[in-house]
PDB file of N, CA and C in Angstrom:
ATOM      1  N   MET A   1       1.073  -1.217  -0.237  1.00  0.00           N
ATOM      2  CA  MET A   1       0.521  -0.125   0.089  1.00  0.00           C
ATOM      3  C   MET A   1       1.097   1.133  -0.027  1.00  0.00           C
ATOM      4  N   PRO A   2       0.861   2.751  -1.150  1.00  0.00           N
ATOM      5  CA  PRO A   2       1.035   3.462  -0.496  1.00  0.00           C
ATOM      6  C   PRO A   2       1.279   4.354   0.834  1.00  0.00           C
ATOM      7  N   GLY A   3       2.066   4.573   0.883  1.00  0.00           N
ATOM      8  CA  GLY A   3       2.823   5.399   2.011  1.00  0.00           C
ATOM      9  C   GLY A   3       1.082   6.979   1.473  1.00  0.00           C
ATOM     10  N   PRO A   4       1.974   7.941   3.128  1.00  0.00           N
ATOM     11  CA  PRO A   4       1.159   8.970   2.903  1.00  0.00           C
ATOM     12  C   PRO A   4       1.900  10.414   2.250  1.00  0.00           C
ATOM     13  N   LEU A   5       2.329   9.945   1.297  1.00  0.00           N
ATOM     14  CA  LEU A   5       3.187  10.946   0.842  1.00  0.00           C
ATOM     15  C   LEU A   5       3.403  10.479  -0.614  1.00  0.00           C
ATOM     16  N   ALA A   6       3.081   9.290  -1.174  1.00  0.00           N
ATOM     17  CA  ALA A   6       2.259   8.889  -2.474  1.00  0.00           C
ATOM     18  C   ALA A   6       0.834   9.479  -2.647  1.00  0.00           C
ATOM     19  N   GLN A   7       0.407   9.078  -1.885  1.00  0.00           N
ATOM     20  CA  GLN A   7      -1.439   8.700  -2.087  1.00  0.00           C
ATOM     21  C   GLN A   7      -1.479  10.434  -2.426  1.00  0.00           C
ATOM     22  N   GLU A   8      -1.080  10.930  -1.391  1.00  0.00           N
ATOM     23  CA  GLU A   8      -1.107  12.508  -2.102  1.00  0.00           C
ATOM     24  C   GLU A   8      -1.210  13.148  -3.199  1.00  0.00           C
ATOM     25  N   MET A   9       0.139  12.784  -3.646  1.00  0.00           N
ATOM     26  CA  MET A   9       0.827  12.603  -5.351  1.00  0.00           C
ATOM     27  C   MET A   9      -0.093  12.450  -6.031  1.00  0.00           C
ATOM     28  N   GLU A  10      -0.826  11.540  -5.714  1.00  0.00           N
ATOM     29  CA  GLU A  10      -2.216  10.730  -6.398  1.00  0.00           C
ATOM     30  C   GLU A  10      -3.003  11.561  -6.596  1.00  0.00           C
ATOM     31  N   ARG A  11      -3.153  11.981  -5.597  1.00  0.00           N
ATOM     32  CA  ARG A  11      -4.289  12.835  -5.359  1.00  0.00           C
ATOM     33  C   ARG A  11      -4.212  14.444  -6.722  1.00  0.00           C
ATOM     34  N   LEU A  12      -3.284  14.534  -5.706  1.00  0.00           N
ATOM     35  CA  LEU A  12      -3.258  16.068  -6.911  1.00  0.00           C
ATOM     36  C   LEU A  12      -3.146  15.600  -8.298  1.00  0.00           C
ATOM     37  N   LEU A  13      -2.233  14.499  -8.371  1.00  0.00           N
ATOM     38  CA  LEU A  13      -1.694  15.117 -10.220  1.00  0.00           C
ATOM     39  C   LEU A  13      -2.983  14.165 -10.544  1.00  0.00           C
ATOM     40  N   THR A  14      -4.098  13.318 -10.658  1.00  0.00           N
ATOM     41  CA  THR A  14      -5.606  12.825 -10.493  1.00  0.00           C
ATOM     42  C   THR A  14      -6.412  14.013 -10.530  1.00  0.00           C
ATOM     43  N   ALA A  15      -6.217  15.400  -9.605  1.00  0.00           N
ATOM     44  CA  ALA A  15      -7.340  16.416  -9.534  1.00  0.00           C
ATOM     45  C   ALA A  15      -6.844  17.186 -10.855  1.00  0.00           C
ATOM     46  N   GLN A  16      -5.537  17.203 -10.595  1.00  0.00           N
ATOM     47  CA  GLN A  16      -4.903  18.206 -11.627  1.00  0.00           C
ATOM     48  C   GLN A  16      -4.839  17.714 -13.280  1.00  0.00           C
ATOM     49  N   PHE A  17      -4.454  16.744 -13.427  1.00  0.00           N
ATOM     50  CA  PHE A  17      -3.980  16.089 -15.176  1.00  0.00           C
ATOM     51  C   PHE A  17      -5.648  15.393 -15.501  1.00  0.00           C
ATOM     52  N   ALA A  18      -6.145  14.864 -14.329  1.00  0.00           N
ATOM     53  CA  ALA A  18      -7.218  13.191 -15.267  1.00  0.00           C
ATOM     54  C   ALA A  18      -6.217  12.372 -16.161  1.00  0.00           C
ATOM     55  N   PRO A  19      -5.286  11.889 -15.308  1.00  0.00           N
ATOM     56  CA  PRO A  19      -4.564  11.058 -15.921  1.00  0.00           C
ATOM     57  C   PRO A  19      -4.898   9.755 -16.883  1.00  0.00           C
ATOM     58  N   SER A  20      -4.681   8.785 -17.989  1.00  0.00           N
ATOM     59  CA  SER A  20      -5.423   7.867 -18.275  1.00  0.00           C
ATOM     60  C   SER A  20      -4.423   6.770 -17.808  1.00  0.00           C
ATOM     61  N   ARG A  21      -2.865   7.307 -17.741  1.00  0.00           N
ATOM     62  CA  ARG A  21      -2.389   6.226 -16.590  1.00  0.00           C
ATOM     63  C   ARG A  21      -1.151   7.392 -15.824  1.00  0.00           C
ATOM     64  N   LEU A  22      -1.129   6.788 -14.210  1.00  0.00           N
ATOM     65  CA  LEU A  22      -0.794   7.114 -13.578  1.00  0.00           C
ATOM     66  C   LEU A  22       0.286   6.061 -12.245  1.00  0.00           C
ATOM     67  N   GLU A  23       1.278   6.491 -12.313  1.00  0.00           N
ATOM     68  CA  GLU A  23       2.157   5.476 -11.643  1.00  0.00           C
ATOM     69  C   GLU A  23       2.639   6.552 -10.308  1.00  0.00           C
ATOM     70  N   VAL A  24       2.835   6.565  -8.935  1.00  0.00           N
ATOM     71  CA  VAL A  24       3.662   7.153  -8.738  1.00  0.00           C
ATOM     72  C   VAL A  24       4.696   5.968  -7.895  1.00  0.00           C
ATOM     73  N   ILE A  25       5.824   5.396  -8.682  1.00  0.00           N
ATOM     74  CA  ILE A  25       6.828   4.672  -7.624  1.00  0.00           C
ATOM     75  C   ILE A  25       7.508   5.233  -6.683  1.00  0.00           C
ATOM     76  N   ASN A  26       7.417   4.792  -5.164  1.00  0.00           N
ATOM     77  CA  ASN A  26       8.510   4.998  -4.313  1.00  0.00           C
ATOM     78  C   ASN A  26      10.124   4.375  -4.708  1.00  0.00           C
ATOM     79  N   ASP A  27      10.716   5.086  -5.283  1.00  0.00           N
ATOM     80  CA  ASP A  27      12.520   4.397  -5.280  1.00  0.00           C
ATOM     81  C   ASP A  27      13.172   4.200  -3.629  1.00  0.00           C
ATOM     82  N   SER A  28      12.654   5.285  -2.698  1.00  0.00           N
ATOM     83  CA  SER A  28      12.981   5.047  -1.426  1.00  0.00           C
ATOM     84  C   SER A  28      14.259   4.141  -0.969  1.00  0.00           C
ATOM     85  N   ALA A  29      14.210   2.994  -1.265  1.00  0.00           N
ATOM     86  CA  ALA A  29      14.484   1.790  -1.028  1.00  0.00           C
ATOM     87  C   ALA A  29      15.808   1.637  -1.715  1.00  0.00           C
ATOM     88  N   ARG A  30      15.786   1.957  -2.363  1.00  0.00           N
ATOM     89  CA  ARG A  30      16.854   2.064  -3.328  1.00  0.00           C
ATOM     90  C   ARG A  30      18.212   2.766  -3.522  1.00  0.00           C
ATOM     91  N   HIS A  31      17.891   4.142  -2.495  1.00  0.00           N
ATOM     92  CA  HIS A  31      18.549   5.468  -1.790  1.00  0.00           C
ATOM     93  C   HIS A  31      19.601   4.894  -0.448  1.00  0.00           C
ATOM     94  N   HIS A  32      18.494   4.170   0.155  1.00  0.00           N
ATOM     95  CA  HIS A  32      18.745   3.734   1.508  1.00  0.00           C
ATOM     96  C   HIS A  32      19.654   4.007   2.108  1.00  0.00           C
ATOM     97  N   GLY A  33      20.548   5.518   3.062  1.00  0.00           N
ATOM     98  CA  GLY A  33      21.814   5.537   2.884  1.00  0.00           C
ATOM     99  C   GLY A  33      22.240   6.880   1.964  1.00  0.00           C
ATOM    100  N   HIS A  34      21.757   6.881   1.371  1.00  0.00           N
ATOM    101  CA  HIS A  34      22.415   7.548   0.242  1.00  0.00           C
ATOM    102  C   HIS A  34      22.190   9.130   1.145  1.00  0.00           C
ATOM    103  N   ALA A  35      22.644  10.241  -0.034  1.00  0.00           N
ATOM    104  CA  ALA A  35      21.603  11.930   0.353  1.00  0.00           C
ATOM    105  C   ALA A  35      20.525  11.998  -0.009  1.00  0.00           C
ATOM    106  N   GLY A  36      20.089  12.543   0.578  1.00  0.00           N
ATOM    107  CA  GLY A  36      18.417  13.592   1.210  1.00  0.00           C
ATOM    108  C   GLY A  36      17.823  11.455   1.625  1.00  0.00           C
ATOM    109  N   ASP A  37      18.315  10.682   1.674  1.00  0.00           N
ATOM    110  CA  ASP A  37      17.668   9.665   2.697  1.00  0.00           C
ATOM    111  C   ASP A  37      17.077  10.113   3.564  1.00  0.00           C
ATOM    112  N   ASP A  38      16.190  10.424   4.551  1.00  0.00           N
ATOM    113  CA  ASP A  38      15.696  11.038   5.578  1.00  0.00           C
ATOM    114  C   ASP A  38      15.380   9.580   6.032  1.00  0.00           C
ATOM    115  N   GLY A  39      14.681   8.716   5.548  1.00  0.00           N
ATOM    116  CA  GLY A  39      14.944   7.899   6.862  1.00  0.00           C
ATOM    117  C   GLY A  39      12.771   7.769   6.379  1.00  0.00           C
ATOM    118  N   SER A  40      12.433   8.647   6.034  1.00  0.00           N
ATOM    119  CA  SER A  40      11.044   8.458   6.170  1.00  0.00           C
ATOM    120  C   SER A  40      10.295   7.057   5.469  1.00  0.00           C
ATOM    121  N   GLY A  41      11.363   7.203   4.464  1.00  0.00           N
ATOM    122  CA  GLY A  41      10.567   5.183   2.957  1.00  0.00           C
ATOM    123  C   GLY A  41      10.160   5.898   1.962  1.00  0.00           C
ATOM    124  N   GLU A  42       9.412   7.670   2.020  1.00  0.00           N
ATOM    125  CA  GLU A  42       9.668   8.340   1.105  1.00  0.00           C
ATOM    126  C   GLU A  42      10.279   9.643   0.705  1.00  0.00           C
ATOM    127  N   SER A  43      11.591   9.689   0.351  1.00  0.00           N
ATOM    128  CA  SER A  43      12.369  10.542  -0.352  1.00  0.00           C
ATOM    129  C   SER A  43      12.831  10.206  -1.869  1.00  0.00           C
ATOM    130  N   HIS A  44      12.780   9.240  -2.563  1.00  0.00           N
ATOM    131  CA  HIS A  44      13.155   9.591  -3.135  1.00  0.00           C
ATOM    132  C   HIS A  44      11.922   8.586  -4.658  1.00  0.00           C
ATOM    133  N   PHE A  45      10.704   9.548  -5.503  1.00  0.00           N
ATOM    134  CA  PHE A  45      10.098   9.016  -6.426  1.00  0.00           C
ATOM    135  C   PHE A  45      10.105   8.577  -7.472  1.00  0.00           C
ATOM    136  N   THR A  46       9.569   7.811  -8.884  1.00  0.00           N
ATOM    137  CA  THR A  46       9.396   8.001  -9.685  1.00  0.00           C
ATOM    138  C   THR A  46       7.783   8.348 -10.604  1.00  0.00           C
ATOM    139  N   VAL A  47       7.008   9.404 -11.238  1.00  0.00           N
ATOM    140  CA  VAL A  47       6.294   9.495 -11.107  1.00  0.00           C
ATOM    141  C   VAL A  47       5.761   8.870 -13.306  1.00  0.00           C
ATOM    142  N   VAL A  48       5.717   8.778 -13.437  1.00  0.00           N
ATOM    143  CA  VAL A  48       4.657   7.886 -14.597  1.00  0.00           C
ATOM    144  C   VAL A  48       3.299   8.851 -15.106  1.00  0.00           C
ATOM    145  N   ILE A  49       2.821   9.506 -15.479  1.00  0.00           N
ATOM    146  CA  ILE A  49       1.849  10.038 -15.887  1.00  0.00           C
ATOM    147  C   ILE A  49       1.295   9.917 -17.326  1.00  0.00           C
ATOM    148  N   GLN A  50       0.071  10.154 -17.644  1.00  0.00           N
ATOM    149  CA  GLN A  50      -0.184  10.138 -19.036  1.00  0.00           C
ATOM    150  C   GLN A  50      -0.954  10.516 -19.211  1.00  0.00           C
ATOM    151  N   SER A  51      -1.205  12.468 -20.243  1.00  0.00           N
ATOM    152  CA  SER A  51      -2.518  13.107 -20.070  1.00  0.00           C
ATOM    153  C   SER A  51      -2.578  14.106 -21.085  1.00  0.00           C
ATOM    154  N   ALA A  52      -3.743  14.031 -21.700  1.00  0.00           N
ATOM    155  CA  ALA A  52      -4.011  15.213 -22.349  1.00  0.00           C
ATOM    156  C   ALA A  52      -3.415  16.559 -22.667  1.00  0.00           C
ATOM    157  N   ALA A  53      -3.661  16.627 -21.235  1.00  0.00           N
ATOM    158  CA  ALA A  53      -3.259  18.207 -21.005  1.00  0.00           C
ATOM    159  C   ALA A  53      -0.986  18.172 -21.025  1.00  0.00           C
ATOM    160  N   PHE A  54      -0.894  17.195 -22.043  1.00  0.00           N
ATOM    161  CA  PHE A  54       0.348  17.246 -21.978  1.00  0.00           C
ATOM    162  C   PHE A  54       0.997  17.293 -23.451  1.00  0.00           C
ATOM    163  N   SER A  55      -0.358  17.417 -24.537  1.00  0.00           N
ATOM    164  CA  SER A  55      -0.460  17.346 -25.372  1.00  0.00           C
ATOM    165  C   SER A  55       0.151  18.726 -26.398  1.00  0.00           C
ATOM    166  N   GLY A  56       1.018  18.464 -26.902  1.00  0.00           N
ATOM    167  CA  GLY A  56       2.170  19.608 -27.559  1.00  0.00           C
ATOM    168  C   GLY A  56       2.545  20.559 -26.627  1.00  0.00           C
ATOM    169  N   LYS A  57       2.982  19.918 -25.347  1.00  0.00           N
ATOM    170  CA  LYS A  57       3.917  20.555 -24.869  1.00  0.00           C
ATOM    171  C   LYS A  57       5.434  20.124 -24.651  1.00  0.00           C
ATOM    172  N   SER A  58       6.237  20.461 -24.336  1.00  0.00           N
ATOM    173  CA  SER A  58       8.227  20.332 -24.502  1.00  0.00           C
ATOM    174  C   SER A  58       7.681  19.075 -22.734  1.00  0.00           C
ATOM    175  N   ARG A  59       8.567  18.486 -23.374  1.00  0.00           N
ATOM    176  CA  ARG A  59       9.299  18.132 -22.063  1.00  0.00           C
ATOM    177  C   ARG A  59       9.624  18.791 -20.755  1.00  0.00           C
ATOM    178  N   LEU A  60       9.902  19.993 -20.882  1.00  0.00           N
ATOM    179  CA  LEU A  60      10.203  20.892 -19.648  1.00  0.00           C
ATOM    180  C   LEU A  60       9.090  21.819 -19.477  1.00  0.00           C
ATOM    181  N   GLU A  61       8.720  21.500 -20.141  1.00  0.00           N
ATOM    182  CA  GLU A  61       7.210  22.091 -19.798  1.00  0.00           C
ATOM    183  C   GLU A  61       6.069  20.896 -19.152  1.00  0.00           C
ATOM    184  N   ARG A  62       6.198  19.525 -19.561  1.00  0.00           N
ATOM    185  CA  ARG A  62       5.396  19.451 -18.721  1.00  0.00           C
ATOM    186  C   ARG A  62       6.435  18.551 -17.268  1.00  0.00           C
ATOM    187  N   GLN A  63       7.260  19.046 -16.927  1.00  0.00           N
ATOM    188  CA  GLN A  63       7.473  18.583 -15.804  1.00  0.00           C
ATOM    189  C   GLN A  63       7.323  20.361 -15.494  1.00  0.00           C
ATOM    190  N   ARG A  64       7.118  20.395 -15.616  1.00  0.00           N
ATOM    191  CA  ARG A  64       6.668  22.122 -14.979  1.00  0.00           C
ATOM    192  C   ARG A  64       5.554  21.866 -14.030  1.00  0.00           C
ATOM    193  N   MET A  65       4.896  21.478 -15.191  1.00  0.00           N
ATOM    194  CA  MET A  65       3.429  21.588 -14.945  1.00  0.00           C
ATOM    195  C   MET A  65       2.969  20.116 -13.590  1.00  0.00           C
ATOM    196  N   VAL A  66       3.912  19.470 -13.943  1.00  0.00           N
ATOM    197  CA  VAL A  66       3.540  18.351 -12.789  1.00  0.00           C
ATOM    198  C   VAL A  66       4.328  18.737 -11.229  1.00  0.00           C
ATOM    199  N   ASN A  67       5.708  19.125 -11.602  1.00  0.00           N
ATOM    200  CA  ASN A  67       5.685  19.996 -10.169  1.00  0.00           C
ATOM    201  C   ASN A  67       5.113  21.716  -9.544  1.00  0.00           C
ATOM    202  N   ARG A  68       4.410  22.272 -10.218  1.00  0.00           N
ATOM    203  CA  ARG A  68       3.504  23.413  -9.984  1.00  0.00           C
ATOM    204  C   ARG A  68       2.436  22.365  -9.261  1.00  0.00           C
ATOM    205  N   ALA A  69       1.843  21.661  -9.655  1.00  0.00           N
ATOM    206  CA  ALA A  69       1.031  20.973  -9.162  1.00  0.00           C
ATOM    207  C   ALA A  69       0.980  19.996  -8.331  1.00  0.00           C
ATOM    208  N   LEU A  70       1.992  18.977  -7.622  1.00  0.00           N
ATOM    209  CA  LEU A  70       2.847  19.097  -6.867  1.00  0.00           C
ATOM    210  C   LEU A  70       2.589  19.738  -5.652  1.00  0.00           C
ATOM    211  N   GLY A  71       3.000  21.200  -5.114  1.00  0.00           N
ATOM    212  CA  GLY A  71       3.087  22.213  -4.509  1.00  0.00           C
ATOM    213  C   GLY A  71       4.404  22.004  -3.865  1.00  0.00           C
ATOM    214  N   ASP A  72       4.333  21.579  -3.013  1.00  0.00           N
ATOM    215  CA  ASP A  72       6.448  21.858  -2.532  1.00  0.00           C
ATOM    216  C   ASP A  72       6.327  20.494  -1.800  1.00  0.00           C
ATOM    217  N   ILE A  73       5.835  19.997  -2.181  1.00  0.00           N
ATOM    218  CA  ILE A  73       6.472  17.867  -3.013  1.00  0.00           C
ATOM    219  C   ILE A  73       7.154  18.277  -2.989  1.00  0.00           C
ATOM    220  N   PRO A  74       8.331  18.568  -4.258  1.00  0.00           N
ATOM    221  CA  PRO A  74       9.405  18.470  -4.394  1.00  0.00           C
ATOM    222  C   PRO A  74      10.291  18.778  -3.845  1.00  0.00           C
ATOM    223  N   GLY A  75      11.202  19.066  -4.063  1.00  0.00           N
ATOM    224  CA  GLY A  75      12.655  19.951  -3.384  1.00  0.00           C
ATOM    225  C   GLY A  75      12.423  20.426  -1.627  1.00  0.00           C
ATOM    226  N   GLU A  76      11.138  20.243  -1.238  1.00  0.00           N
ATOM    227  CA  GLU A  76      10.535  20.235   0.086  1.00  0.00           C
ATOM    228  C   GLU A  76      10.156  19.155   0.896  1.00  0.00           C
ATOM    229  N   ARG A  77       9.498  18.093   0.561  1.00  0.00           N
ATOM    230  CA  ARG A  77       8.938  17.421   0.890  1.00  0.00           C
ATOM    231  C   ARG A  77       9.940  15.870   0.786  1.00  0.00           C
ATOM    232  N   VAL A  78      10.250  15.693  -0.687  1.00  0.00           N
ATOM    233  CA  VAL A  78      10.735  14.506  -1.135  1.00  0.00           C
ATOM    234  C   VAL A  78      11.856  15.337  -2.016  1.00  0.00           C
ATOM    235  N   HIS A  79      13.033  14.406  -1.131  1.00  0.00           N
ATOM    236  CA  HIS A  79      14.428  14.664  -1.983  1.00  0.00           C
ATOM    237  C   HIS A  79      14.805  14.877  -3.449  1.00  0.00           C
ATOM    238  N   ALA A  80      13.991  13.693  -4.307  1.00  0.00           N
ATOM    239  CA  ALA A  80      14.368  12.989  -5.685  1.00  0.00           C
ATOM    240  C   ALA A  80      12.639  12.849  -6.581  1.00  0.00           C
ATOM    241  N   LEU A  81      12.852  13.804  -7.357  1.00  0.00           N
ATOM    242  CA  LEU A  81      11.518  13.344  -7.789  1.00  0.00           C
ATOM    243  C   LEU A  81      11.672  13.059  -9.546  1.00  0.00           C
ATOM    244  N   ALA A  82      11.581  11.564 -10.386  1.00  0.00           N
ATOM    245  CA  ALA A  82      11.885  11.351 -10.709  1.00  0.00           C
ATOM    246  C   ALA A  82      10.759  12.050 -12.521  1.00  0.00           C
ATOM    247  N   ILE A  83      10.385  12.718 -13.278  1.00  0.00           N
ATOM    248  CA  ILE A  83       8.588  12.144 -14.031  1.00  0.00           C
ATOM    249  C   ILE A  83       9.270  12.417 -15.521  1.00  0.00           C
ATOM    250  N   ARG A  84       8.337  11.224 -15.674  1.00  0.00           N
ATOM    251  CA  ARG A  84       8.117  10.762 -16.930  1.00  0.00           C
ATOM    252  C   ARG A  84       6.760  11.283 -17.662  1.00  0.00           C
ATOM    253  N   ALA A  85       6.422  12.146 -18.289  1.00  0.00           N
ATOM    254  CA  ALA A  85       4.916  12.538 -18.723  1.00  0.00           C
ATOM    255  C   ALA A  85       5.046  13.095 -19.731  1.00  0.00           C
ATOM    256  N   LEU A  86       4.093  12.182 -20.384  1.00  0.00           N
ATOM    257  CA  LEU A  86       3.489  11.307 -21.455  1.00  0.00           C
ATOM    258  C   LEU A  86       2.042  12.037 -22.008  1.00  0.00           C
ATOM    259  N   ALA A  87       1.485  12.596 -23.547  1.00  0.00           N
ATOM    260  CA  ALA A  87       1.058  12.575 -24.113  1.00  0.00           C
ATOM    261  C   ALA A  87      -0.046  11.439 -24.636  1.00  0.00           C
ATOM    262  N   PRO A  88      -1.689  11.486 -24.777  1.00  0.00           N
ATOM    263  CA  PRO A  88      -1.620  10.584 -24.785  1.00  0.00           C
ATOM    264  C   PRO A  88      -1.135   9.453 -26.175  1.00  0.00           C
ATOM    265  N   GLU A  89      -0.715  10.420 -27.098  1.00  0.00           N
ATOM    266  CA  GLU A  89      -0.027   9.733 -28.266  1.00  0.00           C
ATOM    267  C   GLU A  89       0.668   8.857 -28.183  1.00  0.00           C
ATOM    268  N   GLU A  90       1.516   9.181 -26.715  1.00  0.00           N
ATOM    269  CA  GLU A  90       2.368   8.563 -26.550  1.00  0.00           C
ATOM    270  C   GLU A  90       3.065   7.113 -25.505  1.00  0.00           C
ATOM    271  N   ALA A  91       3.831   6.351 -26.300  1.00  0.00           N
ATOM    272  CA  ALA A  91       3.814   5.235 -25.487  1.00  0.00           C
ATOM    273  C   ALA A  91       3.942   5.814 -23.814  1.00  0.00           C
TER     274      ALA A  91
END
């Protein structure tokens, strides 16, 4: 079961983008003992999201959109966030 931070991220991204695909993957265990590991078990994530909102947007624009939707989570409450944002026509 996802932790509270992962659940919050899912809720925020779903509300903002109505994605056809959303994966919030907790990568924290792979970074145990490394920089940014705060011991919470929710410090490193990968987000894979597919939404019509990303059509016609550059990779950088998409990442900025996701970061804005997540508010203070990236960089404040999560040490590392990898984002793969896709338009519906992309695999």
